Every structure is written in C-alpha cells, then in structure tokens.
Amino acid sequence: MQYTVSASVFLAIIIVIRLRRPTHSRSRVDEAFTVFTAVVFGVLIAATAWGQAILQLVGVAVEASH
C-alpha cells in the first residue's frame, strides 16, 4: 500500500507541474503524456480509501444532478 500512495503523490506532483506550463507550447505528444499520466494517477488513487471517498462524492453529485 505504501508504494501505491507514494506513486500517486509523485504522479500528482508531475501532473500539477505539467498543467502549470503555458498551453500554447504543447505538442500532441506532450498532451498525450499528460493525459496518460492523469489516467495512471486515477487508477492508482482508486485503490486507496481516499480514492473510494472521491468516487462516492462523485456518485452523490451525479445522482443529485438528475
């Protein structure tokens, strides 16, 4: 479990750094790498209790919007 949390924190830092850069200088490969990193982050965080809480909050928000 420690490796999952550590990898998640590392990926979150990478995502924040990459998204702070100006958007006009990004290539398709750069954007694809950012999306891939975000997806991997989502998969890693989903296995944690924090990820499950986020999933429940999103589910409540979706049900409230209907």
N, C-alpha and C. Protein backbone atom coordinates (compact mmCIF):
# COMPACT_ATOMS: atom_id res chain seq x y z
N MET A 1 0.81 -1.19 0.00
CA MET A 1 0.00 0.00 0.00
C MET A 1 0.86 1.26 0.00
N GLN A 2 2.00 1.25 0.65
CA GLN A 2 2.83 2.42 0.67
C GLN A 2 3.29 2.81 -0.73
N TYR A 3 3.60 1.81 -1.55
CA TYR A 3 4.05 2.12 -2.90
C TYR A 3 2.96 2.79 -3.72
N THR A 4 1.72 2.39 -3.53
CA THR A 4 0.62 3.00 -4.26
C THR A 4 0.47 4.47 -3.88
N VAL A 5 0.50 4.76 -2.61
CA VAL A 5 0.34 6.14 -2.16
C VAL A 5 1.53 6.97 -2.63
N SER A 6 2.73 6.44 -2.52
CA SER A 6 3.92 7.18 -2.94
C SER A 6 3.88 7.46 -4.44
N ALA A 7 3.50 6.48 -5.23
CA ALA A 7 3.41 6.68 -6.67
C ALA A 7 2.31 7.68 -7.00
N SER A 8 1.22 7.64 -6.27
CA SER A 8 0.12 8.57 -6.51
C SER A 8 0.55 10.00 -6.21
N VAL A 9 1.25 10.19 -5.12
CA VAL A 9 1.72 11.54 -4.78
C VAL A 9 2.71 12.03 -5.82
N PHE A 10 3.62 11.16 -6.24
CA PHE A 10 4.59 11.51 -7.27
C PHE A 10 3.89 11.92 -8.57
N LEU A 11 2.92 11.13 -9.00
CA LEU A 11 2.19 11.45 -10.23
C LEU A 11 1.37 12.74 -10.08
N ALA A 12 0.80 12.97 -8.91
CA ALA A 12 0.05 14.21 -8.69
C ALA A 12 0.96 15.43 -8.84
N ILE A 13 2.16 15.33 -8.31
CA ILE A 13 3.12 16.43 -8.44
C ILE A 13 3.48 16.66 -9.90
N ILE A 14 3.72 15.58 -10.64
CA ILE A 14 4.05 15.69 -12.06
C ILE A 14 2.90 16.34 -12.83
N ILE A 15 1.67 15.93 -12.54
CA ILE A 15 0.51 16.48 -13.24
C ILE A 15 0.38 17.98 -12.96
N VAL A 16 0.53 18.37 -11.72
CA VAL A 16 0.41 19.79 -11.38
C VAL A 16 1.48 20.61 -12.08
N ILE A 17 2.71 20.11 -12.09
CA ILE A 17 3.80 20.83 -12.76
C ILE A 17 3.53 20.94 -14.25
N ARG A 18 3.09 19.86 -14.87
CA ARG A 18 2.85 19.87 -16.32
C ARG A 18 1.67 20.76 -16.69
N LEU A 19 0.65 20.83 -15.85
CA LEU A 19 -0.52 21.64 -16.18
C LEU A 19 -0.28 23.13 -15.92
N ARG A 20 0.73 23.48 -15.16
CA ARG A 20 1.03 24.89 -14.92
C ARG A 20 1.75 25.53 -16.08
N ARG A 21 2.31 24.73 -16.98
CA ARG A 21 3.02 25.27 -18.14
C ARG A 21 2.05 25.92 -19.11
N PRO A 22 2.51 26.88 -19.90
CA PRO A 22 1.64 27.52 -20.90
C PRO A 22 1.12 26.48 -21.91
N THR A 23 -0.14 26.63 -22.29
CA THR A 23 -0.74 25.65 -23.18
C THR A 23 -0.35 25.84 -24.64
N HIS A 24 0.07 27.02 -25.03
CA HIS A 24 0.35 27.27 -26.44
C HIS A 24 1.60 26.56 -26.94
N SER A 25 2.48 26.10 -26.05
CA SER A 25 3.72 25.47 -26.50
C SER A 25 3.69 23.95 -26.39
N ARG A 26 2.53 23.36 -26.23
CA ARG A 26 2.44 21.91 -26.07
C ARG A 26 2.27 21.21 -27.40
N SER A 27 2.95 20.10 -27.54
CA SER A 27 2.78 19.27 -28.73
C SER A 27 1.74 18.19 -28.43
N ARG A 28 1.36 17.45 -29.46
CA ARG A 28 0.41 16.35 -29.26
C ARG A 28 0.99 15.28 -28.36
N VAL A 29 2.27 15.01 -28.50
CA VAL A 29 2.92 14.01 -27.65
C VAL A 29 2.92 14.48 -26.20
N ASP A 30 3.17 15.76 -25.99
CA ASP A 30 3.18 16.32 -24.65
C ASP A 30 1.79 16.22 -24.02
N GLU A 31 0.76 16.54 -24.77
CA GLU A 31 -0.60 16.44 -24.26
C GLU A 31 -0.98 14.98 -23.99
N ALA A 32 -0.59 14.09 -24.88
CA ALA A 32 -0.88 12.67 -24.70
C ALA A 32 -0.19 12.13 -23.44
N PHE A 33 1.03 12.56 -23.19
CA PHE A 33 1.73 12.12 -21.99
C PHE A 33 1.04 12.62 -20.73
N THR A 34 0.54 13.86 -20.76
CA THR A 34 -0.17 14.40 -19.61
C THR A 34 -1.45 13.63 -19.35
N VAL A 35 -2.19 13.29 -20.40
CA VAL A 35 -3.41 12.51 -20.25
C VAL A 35 -3.09 11.11 -19.72
N PHE A 36 -2.06 10.49 -20.26
CA PHE A 36 -1.66 9.16 -19.79
C PHE A 36 -1.28 9.20 -18.31
N THR A 37 -0.55 10.22 -17.91
CA THR A 37 -0.16 10.35 -16.52
C THR A 37 -1.38 10.53 -15.62
N ALA A 38 -2.34 11.32 -16.08
CA ALA A 38 -3.56 11.53 -15.29
C ALA A 38 -4.38 10.25 -15.16
N VAL A 39 -4.43 9.46 -16.21
CA VAL A 39 -5.17 8.19 -16.16
C VAL A 39 -4.50 7.22 -15.20
N VAL A 40 -3.19 7.12 -15.27
CA VAL A 40 -2.46 6.24 -14.35
C VAL A 40 -2.66 6.71 -12.92
N PHE A 41 -2.65 8.02 -12.70
CA PHE A 41 -2.90 8.57 -11.37
C PHE A 41 -4.29 8.15 -10.88
N GLY A 42 -5.27 8.23 -11.75
CA GLY A 42 -6.63 7.83 -11.38
C GLY A 42 -6.73 6.37 -11.02
N VAL A 43 -6.03 5.52 -11.75
CA VAL A 43 -6.04 4.09 -11.45
C VAL A 43 -5.37 3.81 -10.11
N LEU A 44 -4.27 4.47 -9.85
CA LEU A 44 -3.56 4.25 -8.58
C LEU A 44 -4.35 4.78 -7.39
N ILE A 45 -4.97 5.93 -7.54
CA ILE A 45 -5.69 6.53 -6.41
C ILE A 45 -7.01 5.80 -6.14
N ALA A 46 -7.57 5.12 -7.14
CA ALA A 46 -8.84 4.43 -6.96
C ALA A 46 -8.74 3.28 -5.96
N ALA A 47 -7.57 2.73 -5.77
CA ALA A 47 -7.39 1.60 -4.86
C ALA A 47 -7.28 2.05 -3.41
N THR A 48 -7.15 3.32 -3.16
CA THR A 48 -6.98 3.81 -1.79
C THR A 48 -8.33 4.21 -1.20
N ALA A 49 -8.36 4.38 0.12
CA ALA A 49 -9.58 4.81 0.80
C ALA A 49 -9.97 6.22 0.35
N TRP A 50 -8.95 7.07 0.11
CA TRP A 50 -9.22 8.42 -0.36
C TRP A 50 -9.88 8.39 -1.73
N GLY A 51 -9.41 7.50 -2.61
CA GLY A 51 -9.99 7.35 -3.94
C GLY A 51 -11.43 6.87 -3.88
N GLN A 52 -11.72 5.96 -2.94
CA GLN A 52 -13.09 5.47 -2.78
C GLN A 52 -14.01 6.58 -2.28
N ALA A 53 -13.50 7.45 -1.40
CA ALA A 53 -14.29 8.58 -0.91
C ALA A 53 -14.61 9.54 -2.05
N ILE A 54 -13.63 9.80 -2.90
CA ILE A 54 -13.86 10.67 -4.06
C ILE A 54 -14.90 10.05 -4.98
N LEU A 55 -14.82 8.75 -5.20
CA LEU A 55 -15.79 8.06 -6.04
C LEU A 55 -17.20 8.20 -5.48
N GLN A 56 -17.34 8.06 -4.17
CA GLN A 56 -18.66 8.20 -3.55
C GLN A 56 -19.18 9.63 -3.68
N LEU A 57 -18.29 10.62 -3.51
CA LEU A 57 -18.71 12.02 -3.66
C LEU A 57 -19.16 12.33 -5.08
N VAL A 58 -18.44 11.79 -6.05
CA VAL A 58 -18.83 11.99 -7.45
C VAL A 58 -20.17 11.31 -7.71
N GLY A 59 -20.37 10.12 -7.14
CA GLY A 59 -21.64 9.42 -7.31
C GLY A 59 -22.80 10.20 -6.73
N VAL A 60 -22.61 10.79 -5.57
CA VAL A 60 -23.65 11.62 -4.94
C VAL A 60 -23.94 12.84 -5.80
N ALA A 61 -22.90 13.46 -6.33
CA ALA A 61 -23.09 14.64 -7.17
C ALA A 61 -23.85 14.30 -8.45
N VAL A 62 -23.54 13.14 -9.03
CA VAL A 62 -24.24 12.72 -10.25
C VAL A 62 -25.71 12.44 -9.97
N GLU A 63 -25.97 11.75 -8.86
CA GLU A 63 -27.37 11.46 -8.52
C GLU A 63 -28.14 12.74 -8.20
N ALA A 64 -27.49 13.72 -7.57
CA ALA A 64 -28.16 14.97 -7.23
C ALA A 64 -28.46 15.80 -8.48
N SER A 65 -27.67 15.62 -9.53
CA SER A 65 -27.90 16.42 -10.74
C SER A 65 -29.01 15.86 -11.62
N HIS A 66 -29.50 14.68 -11.33
CA HIS A 66 -30.59 14.11 -12.13
C HIS A 66 -31.92 14.48 -11.60
